[in-house]
Amino acid sequence: MQDTRGGAIPSTGAEAFGEALLDRYGRYINPGWARLFRFVGLTSVEWEAEGAIVRDRAGKEYIDCSAGYAVMNMGHRHPRIVAAVEEQLGRLPQSLRLLLDEPVVELAELLARVTPGDLRCSFFCHSGTEAVEAALKLARAYTGKMHVISTHRGFHGKTLGSLAATGSDTYRSVLSPLLVGVSHVPFGDAEAIEAAITPETAAVILEPIQGEAGVIIPPDDYLPRVREICDDRGVLLILDEVQTGMGRTGRLFACEHQGVAPDLMTLAKALGGGVMPVGAVVGRAEIFEKVFDENPFLHTVTQGGSPLAAVAAKAAIEVCLEEDLPGQAAEKGAYLLNRLREMQARFPRVLADVRGRGLLIGLEMTKPGAGGLFVTEVFDRGLIVTPSLNKWDIMRISPPLVIPRDLLDRALEIIEETLEKVDQAIDDL
C-alpha cells in the first residue's frame, strides 16, 4: 500500500487525495459521516496545527474557531503540555495499577484546590460521556435511589447511561429503551425541577450553559435556585462542565459565575490540554467515601487516568491559571460578542440571534439552509466553526482561548464576508 503520510501534498493533488480518503471513511469508518462531509464540501485533510492555526495536506491555513468542540482551549500543541507528556512518555506511559501512581495523585490534589466548594475526590477516565456514566453511578450508589432529572436538549454523551440523560431524540429514539428512571424538564426552569423530584430522586444533572443545544444561557438565578432546591430535597446536583470548564466561559468553571458548587462535577475535553484524552468526576469526599469504602472496585477504568493523561491534565490546569485563560476568554469574548451583534443588526435576514459567555458563542441562523451555506463558505475562506449537534442552524464560535487579536479580527472579516453572501442567497435557501 502506498504511504500516504509523507507530508504536504501540492494543491493540484490535494483535492483528489481528500476525495479518496473520504471514500475510505465511508468504507471503513462511517458511511453517513462521509456522505455528510461530501455534501457540505469538507474534503480537506488536516495535517498539522499550532496555537489557533490548522493546516491541511495542501498547506492551506485555517483559523480554528472550533477548538475541536472546545478541546483545544490552550491551543494546538501547547509546548508546556506537550513537553510534560513527552517527559512522562520516556519514563512510564501506562500504570500497572498494582503500584502507587504519583502523577494521578498530583492531578487529583490540584483539582481539589481549583474546583469550587468542597469537591475533593476524583475519578479519572477518558471522555465526557464516561465521566457522566461514573457520576450517575456514584449518585445512585450514594443515595440508594434510582431517579435522575435532566433537561430537554441537554447533552451529556452518547453511551447508553449518559444518553438517557441527554435530552435529544436525535440520538435516543432508535436506541430506546435506555437507562430507566431518567426524566427531562425544560432547561432554565428551576420550578420544573422541583416539581419533578420524587422520593426516589437521586440527582439532578445540568450543563451550566447548554452547548450542543446552541449555547443556551439560563437566567442568572437558575443555578442558585436549583442548588437551593437540591439542598432542601436531599438531592445531589451534578454539573456537567465538560464543555464549559477549563476557562471557556470566562471563569475556570462556568458555575462560578453564579457562585454555585455542585456535589459532583464532570470534566473532559480541554482537561487534557488538547494532547491527551482525559475525563474526570470531581466530587465531595463523603460521596466517594461511602461508595468506594464498601467496594473500591465498584467502578473502574483500566487505562483511565494514566500517567500520560495525568501529566497532560495537570499541565493544562497550570497553563490555564498561569496564563489567565479565563480572563483572556472573558475579554476576547466580550469583543467578539460586540462585533457579532453589530453584524446581526446589519444582517437580520441571516442572523436571528447572537449569544454567548466568554469564548463560547452561538450564532443562530434564520434558516437551517443558511447554516449549511455559512459553514461551507467560511471553511472555503479559511475559517473553521462548529455546528451545534442538537440544532444545526446554530453555529458555535469557540476558538482556543489563546487566539491572538489579529486572528480574531481576520475571523470576523471572514464571518462578515460570508454573511453578505448568505444574505444575497437567503431567499433561495
Protein backbone atom coordinates (compact mmCIF):
# COMPACT_ATOMS: atom_id res chain seq x y z
CA MET A 1 0.00 0.00 0.00
CA GLN A 2 1.25 3.46 -0.85
CA ASP A 3 2.48 5.54 2.09
CA THR A 4 0.02 8.41 2.43
CA ARG A 5 1.65 10.13 5.40
CA GLY A 6 4.78 11.51 3.81
CA GLY A 7 4.00 15.21 4.13
CA ALA A 8 2.17 18.03 2.42
CA ILE A 9 0.60 17.36 -0.95
CA PRO A 10 0.58 20.00 -3.72
CA SER A 11 -2.82 21.64 -4.09
CA THR A 12 -3.23 20.06 -7.53
CA GLY A 13 -3.40 16.62 -5.90
CA ALA A 14 -4.87 17.52 -2.53
CA GLU A 15 -8.50 17.52 -3.69
CA ALA A 16 -8.18 14.05 -5.23
CA PHE A 17 -6.41 12.81 -2.11
CA GLY A 18 -9.21 14.18 0.08
CA GLU A 19 -11.90 12.56 -2.05
CA ALA A 20 -10.08 9.22 -1.89
CA LEU A 21 -9.68 9.48 1.88
CA LEU A 22 -13.37 10.33 2.23
CA ASP A 23 -14.21 7.19 0.25
CA ARG A 24 -12.16 5.21 2.78
CA TYR A 25 -14.05 6.90 5.64
CA GLY A 26 -17.26 5.68 4.07
CA ARG A 27 -15.92 2.19 3.50
CA TYR A 28 -14.16 1.59 6.81
CA ILE A 29 -15.49 4.07 9.39
CA ASN A 30 -18.87 5.77 8.95
CA PRO A 31 -20.80 5.90 5.64
CA GLY A 32 -23.22 8.57 6.87
CA TRP A 33 -20.41 10.79 8.07
CA ALA A 34 -18.69 10.50 4.70
CA ARG A 35 -21.88 11.46 2.83
CA LEU A 36 -22.42 14.46 5.11
CA PHE A 37 -18.86 15.70 4.69
CA ARG A 38 -19.11 15.35 0.92
CA PHE A 39 -22.46 17.18 0.84
CA VAL A 40 -21.06 20.12 2.83
CA GLY A 41 -17.86 20.08 0.78
CA LEU A 42 -15.45 19.24 3.61
CA THR A 43 -12.81 17.17 1.85
CA SER A 44 -9.60 18.82 3.09
CA VAL A 45 -7.27 16.60 5.10
CA GLU A 46 -5.89 18.02 8.36
CA TRP A 47 -2.13 17.75 8.67
CA GLU A 48 -0.63 19.98 11.36
CA ALA A 49 -1.61 22.67 13.82
CA GLU A 50 -0.22 25.12 16.34
CA GLY A 51 -1.90 27.71 18.52
CA ALA A 52 -5.10 28.69 16.70
CA ILE A 53 -3.94 27.73 13.19
CA VAL A 54 -4.62 24.42 11.41
CA ARG A 55 -3.02 23.42 8.09
CA ASP A 56 -4.28 20.83 5.64
CA ARG A 57 -2.24 18.46 3.47
CA ALA A 58 -2.00 21.11 0.74
CA GLY A 59 -0.57 23.64 3.20
CA LYS A 60 -3.71 25.81 3.34
CA GLU A 61 -4.12 27.57 6.67
CA TYR A 62 -7.36 27.78 8.65
CA ILE A 63 -8.19 29.89 11.68
CA ASP A 64 -9.57 27.48 14.24
CA CYS A 65 -12.72 28.89 15.84
CA SER A 66 -13.93 25.46 16.92
CA ALA A 67 -11.05 24.23 19.13
CA GLY A 68 -12.20 20.69 18.31
CA TYR A 69 -15.54 21.14 20.12
CA ALA A 70 -13.80 23.09 22.93
CA VAL A 71 -10.97 20.57 23.40
CA MET A 72 -8.07 22.87 22.48
CA ASN A 73 -8.67 25.70 24.99
CA MET A 74 -4.90 26.02 25.41
CA GLY A 75 -4.35 25.97 21.66
CA HIS A 76 -2.97 23.21 19.49
CA ARG A 77 0.20 21.60 20.80
CA HIS A 78 0.83 23.97 23.70
CA PRO A 79 4.58 23.47 24.27
CA ARG A 80 4.35 23.10 28.04
CA ILE A 81 1.69 20.38 27.81
CA VAL A 82 3.50 18.56 25.00
CA ALA A 83 6.75 18.65 26.98
CA ALA A 84 5.07 17.20 30.08
CA VAL A 85 3.65 14.30 28.06
CA GLU A 86 6.93 13.66 26.23
CA GLU A 87 8.84 13.54 29.51
CA GLN A 88 6.37 11.08 31.04
CA LEU A 89 6.31 9.02 27.83
CA GLY A 90 10.03 8.44 28.22
CA ARG A 91 9.53 7.18 31.75
CA LEU A 92 6.21 5.33 32.19
CA PRO A 93 3.25 5.83 29.82
CA GLN A 94 0.75 3.49 31.48
CA SER A 95 0.20 2.49 35.09
CA LEU A 96 0.36 -1.15 36.15
CA ARG A 97 -2.49 -0.49 38.61
CA LEU A 98 -0.54 -2.52 41.18
CA LEU A 99 1.85 0.20 42.37
CA LEU A 100 1.16 3.74 43.51
CA ASP A 101 0.76 6.33 40.75
CA GLU A 102 2.24 9.73 41.69
CA PRO A 103 1.07 11.77 38.63
CA VAL A 104 -2.58 10.88 39.15
CA VAL A 105 -2.43 11.82 42.84
CA GLU A 106 -0.84 15.17 41.96
CA LEU A 107 -3.59 15.83 39.44
CA ALA A 108 -6.32 14.94 41.95
CA GLU A 109 -4.77 17.23 44.56
CA LEU A 110 -4.67 20.10 42.07
CA LEU A 111 -8.30 19.56 41.08
CA ALA A 112 -9.29 19.59 44.75
CA ARG A 113 -7.62 23.01 45.09
CA VAL A 114 -9.11 24.66 41.99
CA THR A 115 -12.66 23.29 41.85
CA PRO A 116 -15.44 25.18 43.68
CA GLY A 117 -16.91 24.34 47.06
CA ASP A 118 -15.76 21.25 48.94
CA LEU A 119 -15.12 18.98 45.95
CA ARG A 120 -12.11 16.86 46.87
CA CYS A 121 -12.01 13.36 45.37
CA SER A 122 -11.60 12.49 41.69
CA PHE A 123 -12.31 9.54 39.44
CA PHE A 124 -10.46 9.56 36.10
CA CYS A 125 -11.47 8.17 32.72
CA HIS A 126 -11.04 9.09 29.05
CA SER A 127 -14.04 11.17 27.97
CA GLY A 128 -17.03 13.25 28.93
CA THR A 129 -19.56 10.51 28.40
CA GLU A 130 -17.54 8.18 30.64
CA ALA A 131 -17.39 10.89 33.29
CA VAL A 132 -21.18 11.25 33.18
CA GLU A 133 -21.60 7.47 33.46
CA ALA A 134 -19.41 7.50 36.56
CA ALA A 135 -21.26 10.46 38.09
CA LEU A 136 -24.64 8.79 37.60
CA LYS A 137 -23.37 5.59 39.21
CA LEU A 138 -21.88 7.49 42.14
CA ALA A 139 -25.14 9.37 42.70
CA ARG A 140 -27.23 6.21 42.63
CA ALA A 141 -24.83 4.25 44.81
CA TYR A 142 -24.52 7.04 47.37
CA THR A 143 -28.23 7.80 47.71
CA GLY A 144 -29.59 4.32 47.11
CA LYS A 145 -32.11 5.93 44.76
CA MET A 146 -32.51 5.45 41.02
CA HIS A 147 -34.35 8.50 39.62
CA VAL A 148 -32.36 11.22 37.81
CA ILE A 149 -33.64 14.54 36.44
CA SER A 150 -32.08 16.06 33.34
CA THR A 151 -33.17 18.75 30.86
CA HIS A 152 -34.61 18.93 27.37
CA ARG A 153 -31.93 19.45 24.71
CA GLY A 154 -29.16 18.90 27.23
CA PHE A 155 -26.13 16.94 26.05
CA HIS A 156 -24.29 14.55 28.36
CA GLY A 157 -22.84 11.98 25.98
CA LYS A 158 -23.87 9.02 23.86
CA THR A 159 -23.13 5.84 25.80
CA LEU A 160 -26.33 4.18 26.99
CA GLY A 161 -26.31 5.60 30.52
CA SER A 162 -25.29 9.13 29.63
CA LEU A 163 -27.54 9.05 26.57
CA ALA A 164 -30.50 8.56 28.88
CA ALA A 165 -29.63 11.94 30.41
CA THR A 166 -29.03 13.56 27.01
CA GLY A 167 -32.24 15.39 26.12
CA SER A 168 -32.30 14.94 22.34
CA ASP A 169 -34.36 12.34 20.47
CA THR A 170 -31.91 12.68 17.57
CA TYR A 171 -29.60 10.25 19.36
CA ARG A 172 -32.07 8.45 21.62
CA SER A 173 -35.04 7.34 19.52
CA VAL A 174 -33.56 4.32 17.73
CA LEU A 175 -31.87 3.03 20.90
CA SER A 176 -34.75 3.06 23.38
CA PRO A 177 -35.27 1.74 25.97
CA LEU A 178 -32.27 3.32 27.62
CA LEU A 179 -31.32 3.56 31.29
CA VAL A 180 -34.63 3.66 33.15
CA GLY A 181 -35.51 6.25 35.76
CA VAL A 182 -34.40 9.42 33.93
CA SER A 183 -36.85 12.23 33.26
CA HIS A 184 -36.41 15.54 31.42
CA VAL A 185 -37.70 19.02 32.20
CA PRO A 186 -37.26 22.40 30.46
CA PHE A 187 -33.83 23.97 30.85
CA GLY A 188 -33.77 27.22 32.78
CA ASP A 189 -36.91 26.41 34.79
CA ALA A 190 -35.93 25.61 38.37
CA GLU A 191 -39.51 25.12 39.49
CA ALA A 192 -39.92 22.38 36.87
CA ILE A 193 -37.05 20.56 38.53
CA GLU A 194 -38.65 20.91 41.95
CA ALA A 195 -41.95 19.57 40.60
CA ALA A 196 -40.20 16.55 39.06
CA ILE A 197 -38.42 15.48 42.26
CA THR A 198 -39.84 12.33 43.85
CA PRO A 199 -38.85 10.36 46.98
CA GLU A 200 -36.75 8.20 44.62
CA THR A 201 -34.76 11.07 43.04
CA ALA A 202 -31.01 10.64 43.41
CA ALA A 203 -29.69 13.58 41.41
CA VAL A 204 -30.24 16.46 39.02
CA ILE A 205 -27.74 16.75 36.14
CA LEU A 206 -27.32 20.02 34.24
CA GLU A 207 -24.96 21.93 32.00
CA PRO A 208 -24.39 25.46 33.36
CA ILE A 209 -24.74 26.56 29.74
CA GLN A 210 -26.19 24.17 27.18
CA GLY A 211 -23.54 23.78 24.48
CA GLU A 212 -24.81 21.34 21.88
CA ALA A 213 -28.30 22.85 22.12
CA GLY A 214 -26.86 26.07 20.73
CA VAL A 215 -25.23 27.99 23.60
CA ILE A 216 -28.37 28.37 25.72
CA ILE A 217 -27.68 30.56 28.76
CA PRO A 218 -30.16 30.22 31.64
CA PRO A 219 -31.35 33.10 33.87
CA ASP A 220 -28.77 34.22 36.42
CA ASP A 221 -30.87 32.91 39.32
CA TYR A 222 -31.34 29.45 37.78
CA LEU A 223 -28.33 27.57 39.19
CA PRO A 224 -28.58 29.15 42.66
CA ARG A 225 -32.25 28.20 42.81
CA VAL A 226 -31.55 24.63 41.63
CA ARG A 227 -28.82 24.34 44.28
CA GLU A 228 -31.30 25.51 46.92
CA ILE A 229 -33.93 23.02 45.75
CA CYS A 230 -31.46 20.12 45.76
CA ASP A 231 -30.33 21.01 49.28
CA ASP A 232 -33.90 21.29 50.55
CA ARG A 233 -34.97 18.00 48.99
CA GLY A 234 -31.82 15.97 49.73
CA VAL A 235 -30.92 15.51 46.05
CA LEU A 236 -27.38 15.60 44.59
CA LEU A 237 -26.52 18.25 42.00
CA ILE A 238 -24.29 17.09 39.13
CA LEU A 239 -22.91 19.86 36.94
CA ASP A 240 -21.61 18.83 33.53
CA GLU A 241 -18.69 21.16 32.82
CA VAL A 242 -17.24 19.01 30.04
CA GLN A 243 -17.60 21.83 27.51
CA THR A 244 -17.88 24.89 29.75
CA GLY A 245 -14.97 24.11 32.08
CA MET A 246 -11.28 25.00 31.88
CA GLY A 247 -11.79 28.71 31.34
CA ARG A 248 -14.09 28.57 28.32
CA THR A 249 -16.78 30.95 29.64
CA GLY A 250 -14.54 33.48 31.40
CA ARG A 251 -14.24 31.65 34.73
CA LEU A 252 -12.31 28.46 35.37
CA PHE A 253 -15.68 26.71 35.69
CA ALA A 254 -18.94 28.17 34.41
CA CYS A 255 -20.83 27.55 37.66
CA GLU A 256 -18.54 30.09 39.34
CA HIS A 257 -20.36 32.90 37.53
CA GLN A 258 -23.28 32.28 39.92
CA GLY A 259 -21.19 31.19 42.90
CA VAL A 260 -22.68 27.66 42.83
CA ALA A 261 -20.78 24.50 43.77
CA PRO A 262 -22.13 21.06 42.77
CA ASP A 263 -21.90 17.78 44.62
CA LEU A 264 -20.34 16.13 41.57
CA MET A 265 -18.71 17.83 38.57
CA THR A 266 -17.85 16.17 35.27
CA LEU A 267 -14.86 17.35 33.23
CA ALA A 268 -13.20 16.28 29.97
CA LYS A 269 -12.39 17.91 26.59
CA ALA A 270 -9.92 20.71 27.46
CA LEU A 271 -8.89 18.95 30.68
CA GLY A 272 -6.37 17.02 28.57
CA GLY A 273 -4.91 20.21 27.13
CA GLY A 274 -5.70 19.12 23.57
CA VAL A 275 -2.94 16.49 23.84
CA MET A 276 -4.40 13.53 25.77
CA PRO A 277 -7.99 12.28 26.20
CA VAL A 278 -8.90 12.80 29.87
CA GLY A 279 -12.22 12.72 31.68
CA ALA A 280 -12.92 13.18 35.37
CA VAL A 281 -15.60 13.29 38.03
CA VAL A 282 -14.71 15.50 40.97
CA GLY A 283 -16.95 15.17 43.99
CA ARG A 284 -17.47 15.66 47.69
CA ALA A 285 -15.39 13.33 49.81
CA GLU A 286 -18.35 11.85 51.67
CA ILE A 287 -19.81 10.55 48.40
CA PHE A 288 -16.58 8.83 47.39
CA GLU A 289 -16.00 7.52 50.91
CA LYS A 290 -19.40 5.87 51.18
CA VAL A 291 -19.38 4.37 47.68
CA PHE A 292 -15.80 3.16 47.50
CA ASP A 293 -15.29 2.18 51.14
CA GLU A 294 -17.88 -0.54 50.59
CA ASN A 295 -16.32 -1.67 47.29
CA PRO A 296 -13.15 0.04 45.98
CA PHE A 297 -13.66 -1.66 42.61
CA LEU A 298 -17.31 -0.73 42.12
CA HIS A 299 -16.39 1.45 39.14
CA THR A 300 -13.01 1.32 37.41
CA VAL A 301 -11.48 2.08 34.00
CA THR A 302 -8.32 0.12 33.23
CA GLN A 303 -6.46 2.87 31.36
CA GLY A 304 -8.35 5.89 32.70
CA GLY A 305 -6.14 8.43 34.43
CA SER A 306 -2.92 7.04 33.03
CA PRO A 307 0.34 8.81 33.92
CA LEU A 308 0.36 10.37 30.43
CA ALA A 309 -3.17 11.66 30.87
CA ALA A 310 -2.47 12.90 34.39
CA VAL A 311 0.59 14.96 33.48
CA ALA A 312 -1.25 16.42 30.48
CA ALA A 313 -4.21 17.47 32.61
CA LYS A 314 -2.02 18.88 35.38
CA ALA A 315 -0.06 20.95 32.86
CA ALA A 316 -3.29 22.08 31.21
CA ILE A 317 -4.68 23.38 34.51
CA GLU A 318 -1.40 25.13 35.31
CA VAL A 319 -1.36 26.79 31.87
CA CYS A 320 -4.98 27.82 32.32
CA LEU A 321 -4.19 29.52 35.62
CA GLU A 322 -0.76 30.98 34.91
CA GLU A 323 -1.71 32.42 31.50
CA ASP A 324 -5.10 33.57 32.86
CA LEU A 325 -7.06 31.83 30.12
CA PRO A 326 -10.39 32.57 31.86
CA GLY A 327 -9.51 36.26 31.80
CA GLN A 328 -8.48 36.03 28.16
CA ALA A 329 -11.77 34.30 27.34
CA ALA A 330 -13.78 37.00 29.11
CA GLU A 331 -12.01 39.88 27.37
CA LYS A 332 -11.90 38.34 23.89
CA GLY A 333 -15.43 37.02 24.21
CA ALA A 334 -16.82 40.46 25.04
CA TYR A 335 -15.03 41.87 21.99
CA LEU A 336 -16.39 39.13 19.71
CA LEU A 337 -19.93 39.41 21.02
CA ASN A 338 -19.98 43.15 20.46
CA ARG A 339 -18.73 42.85 16.88
CA LEU A 340 -21.04 39.95 16.05
CA ARG A 341 -24.09 41.74 17.43
CA GLU A 342 -23.25 44.67 15.18
CA MET A 343 -23.32 42.21 12.27
CA GLN A 344 -26.65 40.81 13.46
CA ALA A 345 -28.12 44.30 13.22
CA ARG A 346 -26.81 44.58 9.64
CA PHE A 347 -27.91 41.09 8.53
CA PRO A 348 -31.21 40.39 10.31
CA ARG A 349 -32.39 38.14 7.47
CA VAL A 350 -29.49 35.78 8.21
CA LEU A 351 -28.72 36.11 11.93
CA ALA A 352 -31.66 35.57 14.28
CA ASP A 353 -29.58 35.80 17.45
CA VAL A 354 -26.05 36.15 18.79
CA ARG A 355 -25.42 34.96 22.36
CA GLY A 356 -22.65 33.64 24.49
CA ARG A 357 -20.40 33.91 27.51
CA GLY A 358 -16.64 34.14 27.26
CA LEU A 359 -15.44 32.31 24.16
CA LEU A 360 -18.49 30.08 23.86
CA ILE A 361 -20.65 31.96 21.36
CA GLY A 362 -23.66 30.86 19.33
CA LEU A 363 -24.80 32.34 16.01
CA GLU A 364 -28.40 31.34 15.36
CA MET A 365 -29.34 31.45 11.69
CA THR A 366 -32.84 32.25 10.47
CA LYS A 367 -32.90 29.06 8.37
CA PRO A 368 -31.14 25.68 8.58
CA GLY A 369 -30.08 26.15 4.96
CA ALA A 370 -28.35 29.38 5.93
CA GLY A 371 -26.33 27.44 8.48
CA GLY A 372 -25.18 24.91 5.91
CA LEU A 373 -24.12 27.60 3.44
CA PHE A 374 -22.40 29.54 6.22
CA VAL A 375 -20.25 26.55 7.23
CA THR A 376 -19.21 25.84 3.64
CA GLU A 377 -18.39 29.46 2.87
CA VAL A 378 -16.34 30.21 5.99
CA PHE A 379 -14.43 26.97 5.50
CA ASP A 380 -13.55 27.91 1.92
CA ARG A 381 -12.30 31.26 3.24
CA GLY A 382 -10.07 29.59 5.82
CA LEU A 383 -12.17 29.61 8.99
CA ILE A 384 -13.39 26.60 10.98
CA VAL A 385 -16.56 26.86 13.10
CA THR A 386 -18.74 24.17 14.67
CA PRO A 387 -22.44 23.48 14.07
CA SER A 388 -24.36 22.60 17.24
CA LEU A 389 -25.05 18.87 17.27
CA ASN A 390 -28.59 19.29 18.59
CA LYS A 391 -29.50 22.21 16.32
CA TRP A 392 -27.71 22.60 13.01
CA ASP A 393 -28.93 26.14 12.33
CA ILE A 394 -26.76 27.36 15.24
CA MET A 395 -23.05 27.84 14.66
CA ARG A 396 -20.66 27.87 17.61
CA ILE A 397 -17.69 30.20 17.76
CA SER A 398 -15.35 28.62 20.31
CA PRO A 399 -11.72 29.31 19.40
CA PRO A 400 -8.71 28.36 21.51
CA LEU A 401 -8.58 30.77 24.43
CA VAL A 402 -5.03 31.76 23.41
CA ILE A 403 -6.11 33.02 19.98
CA PRO A 404 -4.42 36.39 19.26
CA ARG A 405 -6.43 39.51 18.46
CA ASP A 406 -5.23 39.72 14.84
CA LEU A 407 -6.64 36.25 14.13
CA LEU A 408 -9.91 37.20 15.81
CA ASP A 409 -10.13 40.25 13.56
CA ARG A 410 -9.45 38.16 10.46
CA ALA A 411 -12.10 35.64 11.60
CA LEU A 412 -14.58 38.49 11.97
CA GLU A 413 -13.76 39.69 8.45
CA ILE A 414 -14.46 36.20 7.09
CA ILE A 415 -17.73 35.98 9.01
CA GLU A 416 -18.82 39.37 7.68
CA GLU A 417 -17.93 38.43 4.08
CA THR A 418 -19.85 35.19 4.47
CA LEU A 419 -22.93 36.85 5.97
CA GLU A 420 -23.05 39.19 2.99
CA LYS A 421 -23.04 36.19 0.63
CA VAL A 422 -25.63 34.26 2.63
CA ASP A 423 -27.83 37.36 2.77
CA GLN A 424 -27.79 37.53 -1.03
CA ALA A 425 -28.84 33.88 -1.26
CA ILE A 426 -31.25 33.72 1.68
CA ASP A 427 -34.45 33.74 -0.39
CA ASP A 428 -33.34 30.57 -2.22
CA LEU A 429 -32.36 28.60 0.89
